[in-house]
């Protein structure tokens, strides 16, 4: 097991917005299961935690 970095990075993504935009651009339904590798954040290899927020307002 590798040691923790001195400055861990937490990257938060609004999953609903991100997946909706990707789906619109690609013309097909994109989910977390089928996100193309080229669409993952470029610096994701340095990210210790990738947090997807999925909270939506209920009116």
PDB file of N, CA and C in Angstrom:
ATOM      1  N   UNK A   1       0.840  -1.182   0.000  1.00  0.00           N
ATOM      2  CA  UNK A   1       0.000   0.000   0.000  1.00  0.00           C
ATOM      3  C   UNK A   1       0.883   1.243   0.000  1.00  0.00           C
ATOM      4  N   UNK A   2       0.514   2.220  -0.811  1.00  0.00           N
ATOM      5  CA  UNK A   2       1.292   3.459  -0.862  1.00  0.00           C
ATOM      6  C   UNK A   2       0.864   4.397   0.255  1.00  0.00           C
ATOM      7  N   UNK A   3       1.735   5.298   0.621  1.00  0.00           N
ATOM      8  CA  UNK A   3       1.410   6.247   1.687  1.00  0.00           C
ATOM      9  C   UNK A   3       0.548   7.385   1.143  1.00  0.00           C
ATOM     10  N   UNK A   4      -0.143   8.050   2.060  1.00  0.00           N
ATOM     11  CA  UNK A   4      -0.988   9.174   1.683  1.00  0.00           C
ATOM     12  C   UNK A   4      -0.116  10.351   1.278  1.00  0.00           C
ATOM     13  N   UNK A   5      -0.537  11.125   0.288  1.00  0.00           N
ATOM     14  CA  UNK A   5       0.214  12.313  -0.090  1.00  0.00           C
ATOM     15  C   UNK A   5       0.129  13.380   1.012  1.00  0.00           C
ATOM     16  N   UNK A   6       1.085  14.289   1.028  1.00  0.00           N
ATOM     17  CA  UNK A   6       1.061  15.371   2.010  1.00  0.00           C
ATOM     18  C   UNK A   6      -0.153  16.271   1.845  1.00  0.00           C
ATOM     19  N   UNK A   7      -0.555  16.494   0.617  1.00  0.00           N
ATOM     20  CA  UNK A   7      -1.711  17.347   0.321  1.00  0.00           C
ATOM     21  C   UNK A   7      -2.725  16.559  -0.513  1.00  0.00           C
ATOM     22  N   UNK A   8      -3.565  15.735   0.140  1.00  0.00           N
ATOM     23  CA  UNK A   8      -4.546  14.957  -0.627  1.00  0.00           C
ATOM     24  C   UNK A   8      -5.526  15.873  -1.351  1.00  0.00           C
ATOM     25  N   UNK A   9      -6.015  15.440  -2.484  1.00  0.00           N
ATOM     26  CA  UNK A   9      -6.928  16.234  -3.307  1.00  0.00           C
ATOM     27  C   UNK A   9      -8.293  15.555  -3.330  1.00  0.00           C
ATOM     28  N   UNK A  10      -9.317  16.332  -3.064  1.00  0.00           N
ATOM     29  CA  UNK A  10     -10.690  15.868  -3.190  1.00  0.00           C
ATOM     30  C   UNK A  10     -11.299  16.658  -4.334  1.00  0.00           C
ATOM     31  N   UNK A  11     -11.833  15.965  -5.314  1.00  0.00           N
ATOM     32  CA  UNK A  11     -12.400  16.614  -6.497  1.00  0.00           C
ATOM     33  C   UNK A  11     -13.892  16.314  -6.514  1.00  0.00           C
ATOM     34  N   UNK A  12     -14.711  17.352  -6.462  1.00  0.00           N
ATOM     35  CA  UNK A  12     -16.161  17.164  -6.442  1.00  0.00           C
ATOM     36  C   UNK A  12     -16.744  17.487  -7.811  1.00  0.00           C
ATOM     37  N   UNK A  13     -17.591  16.604  -8.275  1.00  0.00           N
ATOM     38  CA  UNK A  13     -18.244  16.764  -9.572  1.00  0.00           C
ATOM     39  C   UNK A  13     -19.750  16.704  -9.358  1.00  0.00           C
ATOM     40  N   UNK A  14     -20.479  17.668  -9.916  1.00  0.00           N
ATOM     41  CA  UNK A  14     -21.931  17.596  -9.897  1.00  0.00           C
ATOM     42  C   UNK A  14     -22.305  16.573 -10.970  1.00  0.00           C
ATOM     43  N   UNK A  15     -22.566  15.363 -10.532  1.00  0.00           N
ATOM     44  CA  UNK A  15     -22.742  14.235 -11.452  1.00  0.00           C
ATOM     45  C   UNK A  15     -23.884  14.453 -12.439  1.00  0.00           C
ATOM     46  N   UNK A  16     -25.013  14.969 -11.960  1.00  0.00           N
ATOM     47  CA  UNK A  16     -26.155  15.123 -12.847  1.00  0.00           C
ATOM     48  C   UNK A  16     -25.831  16.079 -13.990  1.00  0.00           C
ATOM     49  N   UNK A  17     -25.250  17.231 -13.668  1.00  0.00           N
ATOM     50  CA  UNK A  17     -24.915  18.227 -14.696  1.00  0.00           C
ATOM     51  C   UNK A  17     -23.856  17.670 -15.641  1.00  0.00           C
ATOM     52  N   UNK A  18     -22.796  17.093 -15.091  1.00  0.00           N
ATOM     53  CA  UNK A  18     -21.693  16.570 -15.910  1.00  0.00           C
ATOM     54  C   UNK A  18     -22.193  15.491 -16.868  1.00  0.00           C
ATOM     55  N   UNK A  19     -22.977  14.528 -16.356  1.00  0.00           N
ATOM     56  CA  UNK A  19     -23.472  13.444 -17.211  1.00  0.00           C
ATOM     57  C   UNK A  19     -24.484  13.950 -18.236  1.00  0.00           C
ATOM     58  N   UNK A  20     -25.294  14.926 -17.847  1.00  0.00           N
ATOM     59  CA  UNK A  20     -26.250  15.504 -18.791  1.00  0.00           C
ATOM     60  C   UNK A  20     -25.511  16.196 -19.942  1.00  0.00           C
ATOM     61  N   UNK A  21     -24.485  16.988 -19.612  1.00  0.00           N
ATOM     62  CA  UNK A  21     -23.718  17.680 -20.650  1.00  0.00           C
ATOM     63  C   UNK A  21     -22.988  16.689 -21.558  1.00  0.00           C
ATOM     64  N   UNK A  22     -22.395  15.652 -20.972  1.00  0.00           N
ATOM     65  CA  UNK A  22     -21.715  14.641 -21.791  1.00  0.00           C
ATOM     66  C   UNK A  22     -22.698  13.937 -22.716  1.00  0.00           C
ATOM     67  N   UNK A  23     -23.863  13.596 -22.180  1.00  0.00           N
ATOM     68  CA  UNK A  23     -24.881  12.927 -22.996  1.00  0.00           C
ATOM     69  C   UNK A  23     -25.311  13.806 -24.159  1.00  0.00           C
ATOM     70  N   UNK A  24     -25.509  15.086 -23.890  1.00  0.00           N
ATOM     71  CA  UNK A  24     -25.924  16.021 -24.937  1.00  0.00           C
ATOM     72  C   UNK A  24     -24.835  16.136 -26.016  1.00  0.00           C
ATOM     73  N   UNK A  25     -23.574  16.267 -25.609  1.00  0.00           N
ATOM     74  CA  UNK A  25     -22.468  16.411 -26.563  1.00  0.00           C
ATOM     75  C   UNK A  25     -22.275  15.164 -27.413  1.00  0.00           C
ATOM     76  N   UNK A  26     -22.432  13.989 -26.799  1.00  0.00           N
ATOM     77  CA  UNK A  26     -22.165  12.735 -27.507  1.00  0.00           C
ATOM     78  C   UNK A  26     -23.397  12.184 -28.227  1.00  0.00           C
ATOM     79  N   UNK A  27     -24.575  12.719 -27.915  1.00  0.00           N
ATOM     80  CA  UNK A  27     -25.783  12.252 -28.581  1.00  0.00           C
ATOM     81  C   UNK A  27     -26.230  10.875 -28.125  1.00  0.00           C
ATOM     82  N   UNK A  28     -25.835  10.472 -26.930  1.00  0.00           N
ATOM     83  CA  UNK A  28     -26.238   9.186 -26.367  1.00  0.00           C
ATOM     84  C   UNK A  28     -26.275   9.316 -24.846  1.00  0.00           C
ATOM     85  N   UNK A  29     -26.976   8.403 -24.196  1.00  0.00           N
ATOM     86  CA  UNK A  29     -27.092   8.469 -22.735  1.00  0.00           C
ATOM     87  C   UNK A  29     -25.775   8.019 -22.097  1.00  0.00           C
ATOM     88  N   UNK A  30     -25.193   8.908 -21.302  1.00  0.00           N
ATOM     89  CA  UNK A  30     -23.950   8.609 -20.590  1.00  0.00           C
ATOM     90  C   UNK A  30     -24.272   8.470 -19.111  1.00  0.00           C
ATOM     91  N   UNK A  31     -23.778   7.390 -18.500  1.00  0.00           N
ATOM     92  CA  UNK A  31     -23.925   7.171 -17.063  1.00  0.00           C
ATOM     93  C   UNK A  31     -22.531   7.021 -16.471  1.00  0.00           C
ATOM     94  N   UNK A  32     -22.437   6.932 -15.150  1.00  0.00           N
ATOM     95  CA  UNK A  32     -21.127   6.722 -14.535  1.00  0.00           C
ATOM     96  C   UNK A  32     -20.502   5.411 -14.991  1.00  0.00           C
ATOM     97  N   UNK A  33     -21.334   4.477 -15.403  1.00  0.00           N
ATOM     98  CA  UNK A  33     -20.845   3.172 -15.849  1.00  0.00           C
ATOM     99  C   UNK A  33     -20.168   3.232 -17.224  1.00  0.00           C
ATOM    100  N   UNK A  34     -20.563   4.188 -18.071  1.00  0.00           N
ATOM    101  CA  UNK A  34     -20.022   4.188 -19.435  1.00  0.00           C
ATOM    102  C   UNK A  34     -19.379   5.516 -19.852  1.00  0.00           C
ATOM    103  N   UNK A  35     -18.883   6.289 -18.892  1.00  0.00           N
ATOM    104  CA  UNK A  35     -18.191   7.537 -19.234  1.00  0.00           C
ATOM    105  C   UNK A  35     -16.899   7.184 -19.983  1.00  0.00           C
ATOM    106  N   UNK A  36     -16.708   7.706 -21.197  1.00  0.00           N
ATOM    107  CA  UNK A  36     -15.465   7.429 -21.930  1.00  0.00           C
ATOM    108  C   UNK A  36     -14.243   7.962 -21.162  1.00  0.00           C
ATOM    109  N   UNK A  37     -13.139   7.239 -21.232  1.00  0.00           N
ATOM    110  CA  UNK A  37     -11.925   7.638 -20.505  1.00  0.00           C
ATOM    111  C   UNK A  37     -11.479   9.047 -20.835  1.00  0.00           C
ATOM    112  N   UNK A  38     -11.671   9.475 -22.067  1.00  0.00           N
ATOM    113  CA  UNK A  38     -11.228  10.819 -22.455  1.00  0.00           C
ATOM    114  C   UNK A  38     -12.021  11.914 -21.760  1.00  0.00           C
ATOM    115  N   UNK A  39     -13.184  11.575 -21.182  1.00  0.00           N
ATOM    116  CA  UNK A  39     -14.011  12.572 -20.521  1.00  0.00           C
ATOM    117  C   UNK A  39     -13.787  12.654 -19.013  1.00  0.00           C
ATOM    118  N   UNK A  40     -12.969  11.761 -18.450  1.00  0.00           N
ATOM    119  CA  UNK A  40     -12.648  11.876 -17.030  1.00  0.00           C
ATOM    120  C   UNK A  40     -11.723  13.070 -16.853  1.00  0.00           C
ATOM    121  N   UNK A  41     -11.807  13.747 -15.717  1.00  0.00           N
ATOM    122  CA  UNK A  41     -10.919  14.897 -15.495  1.00  0.00           C
ATOM    123  C   UNK A  41      -9.460  14.518 -15.730  1.00  0.00           C
ATOM    124  N   UNK A  42      -8.731  15.365 -16.447  1.00  0.00           N
ATOM    125  CA  UNK A  42      -7.346  15.048 -16.834  1.00  0.00           C
ATOM    126  C   UNK A  42      -6.438  14.854 -15.640  1.00  0.00           C
ATOM    127  N   UNK A  43      -6.715  15.518 -14.555  1.00  0.00           N
ATOM    128  CA  UNK A  43      -5.863  15.391 -13.385  1.00  0.00           C
ATOM    129  C   UNK A  43      -6.377  14.333 -12.409  1.00  0.00           C
ATOM    130  N   UNK A  44      -7.274  13.451 -12.859  1.00  0.00           N
ATOM    131  CA  UNK A  44      -7.869  12.468 -11.960  1.00  0.00           C
ATOM    132  C   UNK A  44      -6.851  11.468 -11.409  1.00  0.00           C
ATOM    133  N   UNK A  45      -5.716  11.294 -12.080  1.00  0.00           N
ATOM    134  CA  UNK A  45      -4.710  10.371 -11.557  1.00  0.00           C
ATOM    135  C   UNK A  45      -4.063  10.912 -10.286  1.00  0.00           C
ATOM    136  N   UNK A  46      -4.180  12.217 -10.038  1.00  0.00           N
ATOM    137  CA  UNK A  46      -3.609  12.834  -8.843  1.00  0.00           C
ATOM    138  C   UNK A  46      -4.645  13.008  -7.742  1.00  0.00           C
ATOM    139  N   UNK A  47      -5.882  12.673  -8.047  1.00  0.00           N
ATOM    140  CA  UNK A  47      -6.971  12.877  -7.097  1.00  0.00           C
ATOM    141  C   UNK A  47      -7.082  11.659  -6.186  1.00  0.00           C
ATOM    142  N   UNK A  48      -7.125  11.919  -4.887  1.00  0.00           N
ATOM    143  CA  UNK A  48      -7.240  10.833  -3.931  1.00  0.00           C
ATOM    144  C   UNK A  48      -8.689  10.386  -3.791  1.00  0.00           C
ATOM    145  N   UNK A  49      -9.612  11.338  -3.757  1.00  0.00           N
ATOM    146  CA  UNK A  49     -11.035  11.036  -3.662  1.00  0.00           C
ATOM    147  C   UNK A  49     -11.767  11.760  -4.767  1.00  0.00           C
ATOM    148  N   UNK A  50     -12.643  11.053  -5.454  1.00  0.00           N
ATOM    149  CA  UNK A  50     -13.497  11.664  -6.470  1.00  0.00           C
ATOM    150  C   UNK A  50     -14.925  11.560  -5.951  1.00  0.00           C
ATOM    151  N   UNK A  51     -15.515  12.703  -5.629  1.00  0.00           N
ATOM    152  CA  UNK A  51     -16.820  12.751  -4.999  1.00  0.00           C
ATOM    153  C   UNK A  51     -17.838  13.251  -6.009  1.00  0.00           C
ATOM    154  N   UNK A  52     -18.879  12.459  -6.221  1.00  0.00           N
ATOM    155  CA  UNK A  52     -19.944  12.860  -7.130  1.00  0.00           C
ATOM    156  C   UNK A  52     -21.132  13.320  -6.314  1.00  0.00           C
ATOM    157  N   UNK A  53     -21.486  14.587  -6.451  1.00  0.00           N
ATOM    158  CA  UNK A  53     -22.675  15.081  -5.766  1.00  0.00           C
ATOM    159  C   UNK A  53     -23.875  14.846  -6.670  1.00  0.00           C
ATOM    160  N   UNK A  54     -24.938  14.349  -6.088  1.00  0.00           N
ATOM    161  CA  UNK A  54     -26.127  14.033  -6.883  1.00  0.00           C
ATOM    162  C   UNK A  54     -27.380  14.651  -6.277  1.00  0.00           C
ATOM    163  N   UNK A  55     -27.192  15.606  -5.394  1.00  0.00           N
ATOM    164  CA  UNK A  55     -28.341  16.226  -4.733  1.00  0.00           C
ATOM    165  C   UNK A  55     -29.085  17.113  -5.714  1.00  0.00           C
ATOM    166  N   UNK A  56     -30.387  16.919  -5.774  1.00  0.00           N
ATOM    167  CA  UNK A  56     -31.241  17.751  -6.622  1.00  0.00           C
ATOM    168  C   UNK A  56     -32.347  18.319  -5.754  1.00  0.00           C
ATOM    169  N   UNK A  57     -32.696  19.524  -6.022  1.00  0.00           N
ATOM    170  CA  UNK A  57     -33.763  20.176  -5.247  1.00  0.00           C
ATOM    171  C   UNK A  57     -35.104  19.550  -5.588  1.00  0.00           C
ATOM    172  N   UNK A  58     -35.900  19.326  -4.580  1.00  0.00           N
ATOM    173  CA  UNK A  58     -37.255  18.804  -4.780  1.00  0.00           C
ATOM    174  C   UNK A  58     -38.206  19.950  -4.451  1.00  0.00           C
ATOM    175  N   UNK A  59     -38.947  20.378  -5.438  1.00  0.00           N
ATOM    176  CA  UNK A  59     -39.872  21.505  -5.241  1.00  0.00           C
ATOM    177  C   UNK A  59     -41.297  21.010  -5.114  1.00  0.00           C
TER     178      UNK A  59
END
